[in-house]
Amino acid sequence: MTVAEEVLKAIAGWGSHPVFIELTPNKAPIYVSAEEFRARIEKTTRLLRDLGIKQRYLATLFLENSIDFVSIFLSLINLGAIPIALKMDYRKVELDEIFTNAEPQSIIAEQSHLPALSPYLPGRLVIARSGGQLILQQSPVVQHPPAEIPEEIASINYTYRGYGFPLGAMIPHAQYLMGARVLQAGLKGSIGESMLVILPMPHIFTLIGCLLVPLLFGMTSIIARTAHPRLLFEYIRNYHIDYITSVPEIYELLLKFRHKESRIDSLKAFVCGGSSLSENSYEKIVAAFDIDLLHGYGLTEFTPVSRNIRGSARSGTIGPLCSDVCCKIASPDRTGAGEILLTTPYMTRAYYRRPQETAHAYTAGWFKTGDIGRLHNDHLIFLKEKKNTRKINGNIVDLNEVRKAVLMHNRIVDVKVNYRDNALSAQVVFNRDNDFKKEVKGLRNFLKGIIAVYKIPKNIIRKD
């Protein structure tokens, strides 16, 4: 069955039980019951078909976190189209590569975001979201043929492996469904409980952990349209949040702003992934919130690979391997550390229209994660990245892509991009010896227009 079919089947008997509550600062909350959500998917599926979306059309999504995001994503799958959910942070460098690689037939975007996409609109079906409605903005003059993509593929999700450009992982329905099942097996959530959604929805971690787990297992997703800690604490108390699925940086932020005298009795567990979590931070978060902290590990190509289990979580590890995941360490050193290789029947098998990169990612059926780790007492321990990528607040950043973007500035002769303490730095050489501070300011302004803002180096210094 497809992801959409499984979701519709799972919520069929919920009736008026809320599947989503959408919270926007200074606005009334939006409640959607299971009955209403089923009707919304059916209506949106018909609407997208009427607007011109066809089976195996690639549809890029540039949408804010919302109930509409989920209904559009699932409706595209229900229609037999292929959603490509993309971050609204992306700019010229990322978008040029993605649109050249995917050649999507359609774009579905927030009305306010269309100006940022103007170079990519001509010749495509364009649908805008405005005021909670989908509006046809542009029909293509020439009808494009559908993409030749196997039926088992649910979506294309772009990720990085250090090549300097994004790769479109072709995600099968089976990965979404298996990922949700094994995350739920570790979480042990119950019908009627609630999950707070903070992370951007295009993340595979969000799609599986924050959306599919609740939808398939009877929980309510509370969508927070902010990461402001004061508002998050307010939501947790007012809506009696049981679980949060997010990155370590969010939990460290909540820890920083938590009032020591306050108790939050509803919280049961934090599901954690996306970047490293130190043992010190783990212990502080667990002690402060009195919850299970379930740190895990996954990739766009398969999520989760491993996860800690509620009731038996350990600090310093990313948990035992999930069901049907086989893992081995390639060429381990004396400590047992080496590249993590994995295989599972449910994982991505190819990057869209990237045969060379696909071939390089696999060896004798094993996927090369590009991450260094080791196994200890049946738990996987993540040590560092081998590939030329790093994580900034849970966002994967390709250092070669950042270098390429900096070199696009007409005053830059050379640059070296470094990573340390969750931040990027760049050592640069300008072609003229002008006021360095003024040149750096100009470089920053230039980068804001061509690359996601979280990829802009925090520190820019003169290269010796």
Protein backbone atom coordinates (compact mmCIF):
# COMPACT_ATOMS: atom_id res chain seq x y z
CA MET A 1 0.00 0.00 0.00
CA THR A 2 1.04 3.61 -0.50
CA VAL A 3 1.75 5.99 2.37
CA ALA A 4 -1.50 7.84 1.64
CA GLU A 5 -3.56 4.64 1.61
CA GLU A 6 -2.08 3.54 4.94
CA VAL A 7 -2.83 6.91 6.53
CA LEU A 8 -6.42 6.96 5.27
CA LYS A 9 -6.89 3.42 6.54
CA ALA A 10 -5.36 4.23 9.94
CA ILE A 11 -7.56 7.26 10.66
CA ALA A 12 -10.76 5.75 9.23
CA GLY A 13 -12.20 4.92 12.64
CA TRP A 14 -11.11 7.99 14.58
CA GLY A 15 -14.23 10.05 13.92
CA SER A 16 -14.01 13.46 15.60
CA HIS A 17 -10.67 12.74 17.26
CA PRO A 18 -8.26 15.59 16.35
CA VAL A 19 -5.36 14.53 14.14
CA PHE A 20 -3.90 18.04 13.92
CA ILE A 21 -3.90 21.26 15.87
CA GLU A 22 -2.10 24.11 14.12
CA LEU A 23 -0.78 26.90 16.36
CA THR A 24 0.26 30.25 14.93
CA PRO A 25 1.27 33.13 17.23
CA ASN A 26 -1.51 35.72 17.63
CA LYS A 27 -4.04 33.56 15.77
CA ALA A 28 -6.74 31.15 16.86
CA PRO A 29 -5.70 27.48 16.81
CA ILE A 30 -6.93 25.35 13.92
CA TYR A 31 -8.35 21.94 14.85
CA VAL A 32 -8.80 19.22 12.24
CA SER A 33 -10.47 15.94 13.12
CA ALA A 34 -9.79 12.60 11.48
CA GLU A 35 -13.05 12.83 9.52
CA GLU A 36 -12.19 16.32 8.33
CA PHE A 37 -8.66 15.32 7.39
CA ARG A 38 -9.85 12.35 5.33
CA ALA A 39 -12.27 14.65 3.52
CA ARG A 40 -9.52 17.21 3.02
CA ILE A 41 -7.21 14.66 1.38
CA GLU A 42 -9.97 13.48 -0.93
CA LYS A 43 -10.91 17.06 -1.85
CA THR A 44 -7.29 18.14 -2.36
CA THR A 45 -6.59 15.08 -4.51
CA ARG A 46 -9.49 16.00 -6.82
CA LEU A 47 -8.45 19.66 -6.89
CA LEU A 48 -4.83 18.92 -7.78
CA ARG A 49 -6.00 16.61 -10.56
CA ASP A 50 -8.35 19.29 -11.89
CA LEU A 51 -5.56 21.88 -11.77
CA GLY A 52 -3.37 19.70 -13.98
CA ILE A 53 -1.27 17.44 -11.73
CA LYS A 54 -0.96 14.02 -13.33
CA GLN A 55 0.34 10.62 -12.26
CA ARG A 56 4.15 10.53 -11.93
CA TYR A 57 4.38 14.31 -12.23
CA LEU A 58 7.14 15.70 -10.06
CA ALA A 59 5.74 18.44 -7.82
CA THR A 60 8.15 20.66 -5.91
CA LEU A 61 6.66 21.96 -2.66
CA PHE A 62 7.65 25.25 -1.05
CA LEU A 63 5.21 25.38 1.84
CA GLU A 64 5.27 26.51 5.45
CA ASN A 65 4.64 24.09 8.29
CA SER A 66 0.89 23.63 8.26
CA ILE A 67 -1.92 21.13 8.05
CA ASP A 68 -2.12 22.10 4.38
CA PHE A 69 1.47 20.91 3.89
CA VAL A 70 0.53 17.45 5.13
CA SER A 71 -2.71 17.22 3.16
CA ILE A 72 -1.01 18.39 -0.07
CA PHE A 73 1.93 16.01 0.41
CA LEU A 74 -0.37 13.02 0.98
CA SER A 75 -2.80 14.09 -1.76
CA LEU A 76 0.00 14.15 -4.31
CA ILE A 77 0.95 10.62 -3.30
CA ASN A 78 -2.72 9.63 -3.39
CA LEU A 79 -2.88 10.98 -6.94
CA GLY A 80 0.21 9.02 -7.98
CA ALA A 81 2.38 12.13 -8.33
CA ILE A 82 5.82 12.49 -6.71
CA PRO A 83 6.19 15.25 -4.11
CA ILE A 84 9.58 16.93 -3.74
CA ALA A 85 9.34 18.87 -0.48
CA LEU A 86 12.01 21.58 -0.37
CA LYS A 87 13.15 24.09 2.21
CA MET A 88 11.98 27.62 1.63
CA ASP A 89 15.48 28.72 2.72
CA TYR A 90 16.95 27.45 -0.56
CA ARG A 91 18.18 30.04 -3.03
CA LYS A 92 19.95 30.10 -6.40
CA VAL A 93 22.80 27.68 -5.69
CA GLU A 94 20.55 24.91 -4.38
CA LEU A 95 17.59 25.61 -6.67
CA ASP A 96 19.64 25.70 -9.88
CA GLU A 97 20.94 22.22 -9.15
CA ILE A 98 17.58 20.79 -8.06
CA PHE A 99 15.56 22.14 -10.97
CA THR A 100 18.23 21.10 -13.48
CA ASN A 101 18.37 17.61 -12.01
CA ALA A 102 14.67 16.95 -11.40
CA GLU A 103 13.07 19.03 -14.18
CA PRO A 104 9.78 19.03 -12.24
CA GLN A 105 6.57 19.49 -14.17
CA SER A 106 4.93 21.50 -11.39
CA ILE A 107 5.52 23.86 -8.49
CA ILE A 108 3.24 24.27 -5.46
CA ALA A 109 4.32 27.20 -3.31
CA GLU A 110 3.21 29.85 -0.89
CA GLN A 111 1.99 32.86 -2.86
CA SER A 112 4.48 35.05 -1.00
CA HIS A 113 7.37 32.77 -2.01
CA LEU A 114 6.79 32.88 -5.77
CA PRO A 115 9.09 35.90 -6.36
CA ALA A 116 12.02 33.86 -5.00
CA LEU A 117 11.16 31.14 -7.54
CA SER A 118 10.66 33.41 -10.55
CA PRO A 119 13.57 31.99 -12.63
CA TYR A 120 12.07 28.49 -12.33
CA LEU A 121 8.41 29.23 -13.11
CA PRO A 122 8.40 29.53 -16.94
CA GLY A 123 6.98 26.51 -18.72
CA ARG A 124 5.71 24.83 -15.56
CA LEU A 125 2.37 24.26 -13.90
CA VAL A 126 2.34 26.66 -10.94
CA ILE A 127 -0.11 26.42 -8.04
CA ALA A 128 -0.05 28.98 -5.23
CA ARG A 129 -1.27 28.59 -1.66
CA SER A 130 -2.89 31.74 -0.37
CA GLY A 131 -5.31 32.19 2.50
CA GLY A 132 -5.61 28.44 2.90
CA GLN A 133 -6.64 28.00 -0.74
CA LEU A 134 -4.83 26.49 -3.73
CA ILE A 135 -4.96 28.77 -6.77
CA LEU A 136 -3.82 28.04 -10.31
CA GLN A 137 -1.20 30.66 -11.17
CA GLN A 138 0.08 29.34 -14.47
CA SER A 139 -0.59 26.48 -16.86
CA PRO A 140 2.21 25.19 -19.08
CA VAL A 141 1.94 25.96 -22.79
CA VAL A 142 3.35 22.52 -23.58
CA GLN A 143 2.22 19.46 -21.63
CA HIS A 144 5.25 17.67 -20.20
CA PRO A 145 5.42 13.87 -20.10
CA PRO A 146 5.38 12.22 -16.66
CA ALA A 147 8.62 11.13 -15.04
CA GLU A 148 9.70 7.53 -15.40
CA ILE A 149 9.82 6.58 -11.74
CA PRO A 150 8.98 3.15 -10.28
CA GLU A 151 5.60 2.76 -8.61
CA GLU A 152 7.18 1.88 -5.28
CA ILE A 153 8.67 5.39 -4.96
CA ALA A 154 6.67 7.79 -2.78
CA SER A 155 8.78 10.95 -2.97
CA ILE A 156 12.13 12.47 -3.88
CA ASN A 157 13.95 14.03 -0.94
CA TYR A 158 17.09 16.05 -1.57
CA THR A 159 20.13 15.54 0.62
CA TYR A 160 23.91 15.98 0.51
CA ARG A 161 26.96 13.72 0.46
CA GLY A 162 29.72 16.31 0.01
CA TYR A 163 29.77 16.55 -3.78
CA GLY A 164 28.94 20.25 -3.72
CA PHE A 165 25.37 19.72 -4.96
CA PRO A 166 22.20 18.06 -3.63
CA LEU A 167 21.16 14.52 -4.49
CA GLY A 168 17.53 13.45 -4.89
CA ALA A 169 17.03 10.31 -2.83
CA MET A 170 14.14 8.26 -4.22
CA ILE A 171 12.21 7.27 -1.10
CA PRO A 172 9.98 4.18 -1.32
CA HIS A 173 6.62 3.95 0.41
CA ALA A 174 8.07 1.04 2.38
CA GLN A 175 10.72 3.28 3.95
CA TYR A 176 8.14 5.74 5.27
CA LEU A 177 5.96 2.98 6.68
CA MET A 178 8.76 0.90 8.17
CA GLY A 179 10.42 4.01 9.59
CA ALA A 180 7.20 5.00 11.35
CA ARG A 181 6.71 1.49 12.75
CA VAL A 182 10.19 1.22 14.25
CA LEU A 183 10.09 4.75 15.68
CA GLN A 184 6.77 3.92 17.33
CA ALA A 185 8.26 0.67 18.64
CA GLY A 186 10.92 2.74 20.41
CA LEU A 187 8.57 5.50 21.54
CA LYS A 188 5.72 3.25 22.70
CA GLY A 189 3.20 6.02 22.21
CA SER A 190 -0.48 5.48 23.00
CA ILE A 191 -3.70 6.40 21.25
CA GLY A 192 -4.89 9.85 22.26
CA GLU A 193 -1.46 11.22 23.16
CA SER A 194 0.10 14.24 21.45
CA MET A 195 3.31 15.10 19.57
CA LEU A 196 4.67 18.65 19.23
CA VAL A 197 5.93 19.43 15.71
CA ILE A 198 8.66 22.09 15.53
CA LEU A 199 11.06 21.01 12.78
CA PRO A 200 10.56 22.03 9.13
CA MET A 201 8.29 19.50 7.45
CA PRO A 202 10.50 18.80 4.40
CA HIS A 203 12.94 16.96 6.72
CA ILE A 204 12.59 13.18 6.44
CA PHE A 205 12.84 13.07 10.25
CA THR A 206 9.78 15.33 10.52
CA LEU A 207 7.80 13.52 7.85
CA ILE A 208 8.27 10.16 9.53
CA GLY A 209 8.67 10.99 13.22
CA CYS A 210 6.33 13.96 13.66
CA LEU A 211 3.64 13.25 11.07
CA LEU A 212 3.43 9.58 10.11
CA VAL A 213 3.97 8.18 13.60
CA PRO A 214 1.02 10.15 15.04
CA LEU A 215 -1.21 9.57 12.00
CA LEU A 216 -0.60 5.83 11.90
CA PHE A 217 -0.75 5.24 15.66
CA GLY A 218 -3.60 7.38 16.94
CA MET A 219 -1.84 10.49 18.23
CA THR A 220 -2.46 14.18 17.64
CA SER A 221 0.21 16.32 15.97
CA ILE A 222 0.42 19.82 17.44
CA ILE A 223 2.04 22.00 14.77
CA ALA A 224 3.99 24.92 16.24
CA ARG A 225 4.62 27.70 13.74
CA THR A 226 7.44 29.04 15.90
CA ALA A 227 10.52 27.87 17.79
CA HIS A 228 10.35 30.66 20.38
CA PRO A 229 10.98 28.93 23.74
CA ARG A 230 8.40 30.97 25.67
CA LEU A 231 5.67 29.98 23.22
CA LEU A 232 6.83 26.36 23.10
CA PHE A 233 6.54 26.09 26.88
CA GLU A 234 3.11 27.69 26.67
CA TYR A 235 2.02 25.14 24.06
CA ILE A 236 3.43 22.24 26.07
CA ARG A 237 1.42 23.26 29.13
CA ASN A 238 -1.79 24.33 27.43
CA TYR A 239 -2.03 21.32 25.14
CA HIS A 240 -0.58 18.75 27.56
CA ILE A 241 2.12 17.64 25.13
CA ASP A 242 3.33 14.08 25.68
CA TYR A 243 6.18 13.92 23.16
CA ILE A 244 8.47 16.17 21.17
CA THR A 245 10.46 14.99 18.16
CA SER A 246 13.27 17.40 17.34
CA VAL A 247 17.01 18.04 17.13
CA PRO A 248 19.40 18.39 20.10
CA GLU A 249 19.66 22.14 19.61
CA ILE A 250 15.93 22.59 20.33
CA TYR A 251 16.17 20.59 23.55
CA GLU A 252 19.23 22.58 24.62
CA LEU A 253 17.26 25.77 23.91
CA LEU A 254 14.35 24.54 26.04
CA LEU A 255 16.80 23.60 28.79
CA LYS A 256 18.29 27.09 28.74
CA PHE A 257 14.92 28.81 29.12
CA ARG A 258 13.24 26.38 31.48
CA HIS A 259 12.21 27.85 34.82
CA LYS A 260 13.67 25.62 37.51
CA GLU A 261 10.65 25.89 39.75
CA SER A 262 8.16 24.88 37.06
CA ARG A 263 7.03 21.33 36.35
CA ILE A 264 5.64 19.95 33.11
CA ASP A 265 3.91 16.77 34.15
CA SER A 266 2.55 15.81 30.73
CA LEU A 267 5.94 15.33 29.03
CA LYS A 268 7.00 11.70 28.72
CA ALA A 269 9.76 11.56 26.11
CA PHE A 270 11.91 13.59 23.74
CA VAL A 271 12.70 11.86 20.46
CA CYS A 272 16.04 13.22 19.30
CA GLY A 273 18.05 13.06 16.08
CA GLY A 274 19.50 15.10 13.26
CA SER A 275 22.81 15.96 14.94
CA SER A 276 25.14 14.95 17.76
CA LEU A 277 24.14 15.05 21.41
CA SER A 278 26.86 15.09 24.06
CA GLU A 279 26.57 12.90 27.15
CA ASN A 280 26.70 16.04 29.29
CA SER A 281 23.76 17.62 27.46
CA TYR A 282 21.87 14.32 27.58
CA GLU A 283 22.19 14.06 31.35
CA LYS A 284 21.21 17.71 31.93
CA ILE A 285 18.11 17.48 29.72
CA VAL A 286 16.94 14.23 31.32
CA ALA A 287 17.45 15.61 34.82
CA ALA A 288 15.73 18.92 34.08
CA PHE A 289 12.62 17.52 32.38
CA ASP A 290 12.41 14.08 34.00
CA ILE A 291 11.72 12.40 30.66
CA ASP A 292 13.12 9.64 28.47
CA LEU A 293 15.50 11.10 25.90
CA LEU A 294 15.49 8.80 22.89
CA HIS A 295 18.47 9.74 20.76
CA GLY A 296 18.67 8.00 17.39
CA TYR A 297 20.36 8.03 14.02
CA GLY A 298 19.07 8.13 10.49
CA LEU A 299 19.68 9.44 7.03
CA THR A 300 17.48 10.68 4.24
CA GLU A 301 18.23 7.37 2.54
CA PHE A 302 16.77 5.49 5.52
CA THR A 303 15.32 6.76 8.79
CA PRO A 304 15.76 5.56 11.46
CA VAL A 305 18.80 3.29 11.37
CA SER A 306 18.95 3.05 15.15
CA ARG A 307 17.12 4.60 18.11
CA ASN A 308 17.06 4.34 21.86
CA ILE A 309 14.00 2.68 23.34
CA ARG A 310 11.75 4.21 25.93
CA GLY A 311 12.50 2.74 29.32
CA SER A 312 16.02 1.61 28.44
CA ALA A 313 17.68 4.64 26.82
CA ARG A 314 21.41 5.19 27.29
CA SER A 315 23.45 8.36 27.09
CA GLY A 316 26.31 8.53 24.61
CA THR A 317 24.71 6.20 22.06
CA ILE A 318 22.30 6.43 19.16
CA GLY A 319 20.62 3.23 20.26
CA PRO A 320 20.31 -0.35 19.09
CA LEU A 321 19.70 -1.06 15.41
CA CYS A 322 16.11 -0.99 14.25
CA SER A 323 14.27 -4.07 13.02
CA ASP A 324 15.40 -5.37 9.62
CA VAL A 325 18.44 -3.07 9.56
CA CYS A 326 21.84 -4.74 9.17
CA CYS A 327 24.93 -2.73 10.00
CA LYS A 328 28.67 -3.29 9.90
CA ILE A 329 31.74 -1.15 10.44
CA ALA A 330 34.08 -0.93 7.46
CA SER A 331 37.83 -1.26 8.11
CA PRO A 332 37.57 -0.69 11.88
CA ASP A 333 40.57 0.71 13.73
CA ARG A 334 41.84 -0.51 17.11
CA THR A 335 38.87 1.07 18.88
CA GLY A 336 36.39 -0.55 16.51
CA ALA A 337 35.64 2.73 14.73
CA GLY A 338 35.10 2.93 10.99
CA GLU A 339 32.58 3.93 8.37
CA ILE A 340 29.04 2.80 9.14
CA LEU A 341 27.64 0.58 6.39
CA LEU A 342 24.02 -0.50 6.38
CA THR A 343 21.47 -2.42 4.41
CA THR A 344 17.73 -2.93 4.72
CA PRO A 345 15.02 -3.96 2.26
CA TYR A 346 13.26 -0.63 2.81
CA MET A 347 15.96 1.91 2.01
CA THR A 348 16.60 4.22 -0.92
CA ARG A 349 18.29 2.40 -3.79
CA ALA A 350 19.09 5.31 -6.08
CA TYR A 351 19.49 9.06 -6.41
CA TYR A 352 17.30 10.52 -9.12
CA ARG A 353 19.20 10.81 -12.41
CA ARG A 354 22.55 10.46 -10.64
CA PRO A 355 23.89 7.02 -11.65
CA GLN A 356 27.52 7.79 -10.84
CA GLU A 357 26.76 9.07 -7.34
CA THR A 358 24.39 6.15 -6.77
CA ALA A 359 27.08 3.64 -7.72
CA HIS A 360 29.59 5.35 -5.43
CA ALA A 361 27.19 5.20 -2.46
CA TYR A 362 26.87 1.42 -2.49
CA THR A 363 29.36 -1.40 -2.19
CA ALA A 364 28.20 -4.99 -2.68
CA GLY A 365 24.67 -4.07 -1.57
CA TRP A 366 25.80 -2.08 1.48
CA PHE A 367 25.08 1.65 1.71
CA LYS A 368 28.09 3.76 2.67
CA THR A 369 26.72 6.31 5.13
CA GLY A 370 29.77 8.57 5.08
CA ASP A 371 29.66 8.59 8.89
CA ILE A 372 32.19 7.16 11.33
CA GLY A 373 30.96 5.13 14.28
CA ARG A 374 31.33 1.91 16.23
CA LEU A 375 29.18 -0.73 17.86
CA HIS A 376 29.30 -1.20 21.63
CA ASN A 377 27.11 -3.56 23.66
CA ASP A 378 24.54 -3.77 20.86
CA HIS A 379 24.30 0.02 20.61
CA LEU A 380 25.59 2.18 17.77
CA ILE A 381 27.82 5.11 18.66
CA PHE A 382 28.20 8.01 16.24
CA LEU A 383 31.65 9.63 16.23
CA LYS A 384 31.95 12.02 13.28
CA GLU A 385 31.22 12.59 9.61
CA LYS A 386 33.59 11.17 7.04
CA LYS A 387 31.88 12.83 4.07
CA ASN A 388 32.43 16.53 3.49
CA THR A 389 29.21 17.62 5.18
CA ARG A 390 28.42 18.97 8.63
CA LYS A 391 25.29 19.67 10.68
CA ILE A 392 24.23 23.20 11.63
CA ASN A 393 21.29 23.07 14.07
CA GLY A 394 20.18 19.81 12.49
CA ASN A 395 20.57 21.07 8.91
CA ILE A 396 23.02 19.20 6.70
CA VAL A 397 25.54 21.55 5.07
CA ASP A 398 27.82 20.57 2.21
CA LEU A 399 31.15 22.34 2.70
CA ASN A 400 31.97 22.10 -1.00
CA GLU A 401 28.67 23.77 -1.88
CA VAL A 402 29.40 26.63 0.52
CA ARG A 403 32.88 27.03 -0.97
CA LYS A 404 31.40 27.10 -4.46
CA ALA A 405 28.92 29.80 -3.41
CA VAL A 406 31.62 32.00 -1.88
CA LEU A 407 33.74 31.67 -5.03
CA MET A 408 30.83 32.98 -7.11
CA HIS A 409 31.50 36.45 -5.65
CA ASN A 410 33.53 38.45 -8.17
CA ARG A 411 36.00 39.70 -5.55
CA ILE A 412 36.92 36.30 -4.12
CA VAL A 413 40.12 34.63 -5.32
CA ASP A 414 40.26 31.73 -2.86
CA VAL A 415 38.39 30.41 0.18
CA LYS A 416 38.70 27.63 2.72
CA VAL A 417 35.53 26.62 4.58
CA ASN A 418 35.86 25.15 8.07
CA TYR A 419 33.46 23.81 10.70
CA ARG A 420 33.76 23.98 14.46
CA ASP A 421 31.34 24.13 17.41
CA ASN A 422 28.18 23.97 15.30
CA ALA A 423 29.26 26.89 13.10
CA LEU A 424 30.98 27.52 9.77
CA SER A 425 33.92 29.82 9.19
CA ALA A 426 35.54 30.92 5.95
CA GLN A 427 39.09 32.02 5.31
CA VAL A 428 38.95 34.23 2.22
CA VAL A 429 41.26 36.03 -0.19
CA PHE A 430 39.85 39.07 -1.99
CA ASN A 431 41.32 40.18 -5.31
CA ARG A 432 41.87 43.71 -4.04
CA ASP A 433 43.24 44.95 -0.75
CA ASN A 434 40.29 47.19 0.16
CA ASP A 435 38.60 47.75 3.52
CA PHE A 436 38.26 44.15 4.74
CA LYS A 437 35.19 44.74 6.93
CA LYS A 438 33.40 46.42 4.04
CA GLU A 439 34.32 43.56 1.71
CA VAL A 440 33.03 40.98 4.21
CA LYS A 441 29.74 42.85 4.56
CA GLY A 442 29.36 42.85 0.79
CA LEU A 443 30.13 39.14 0.66
CA ARG A 444 27.51 38.35 3.30
CA ASN A 445 24.87 40.34 1.43
CA PHE A 446 25.80 38.52 -1.77
CA LEU A 447 25.53 35.10 -0.12
CA LYS A 448 22.09 35.88 1.31
CA GLY A 449 20.78 36.05 -2.23
CA ILE A 450 22.26 32.80 -3.51
CA ILE A 451 22.36 30.24 -0.68
CA ALA A 452 20.32 29.25 2.38
CA VAL A 453 21.05 31.66 5.21
CA TYR A 454 22.07 28.91 7.67
CA LYS A 455 24.91 27.98 5.28
CA ILE A 456 26.52 31.43 5.37
CA PRO A 457 29.75 31.22 7.39
CA LYS A 458 29.39 32.78 10.83
CA ASN A 459 32.99 33.96 10.84
CA ILE A 460 34.75 35.30 7.76
CA ILE A 461 38.43 36.03 8.22
CA ARG A 462 41.40 36.88 6.06
CA LYS A 463 43.30 33.87 4.76
CA ASP A 464 47.04 34.06 5.34
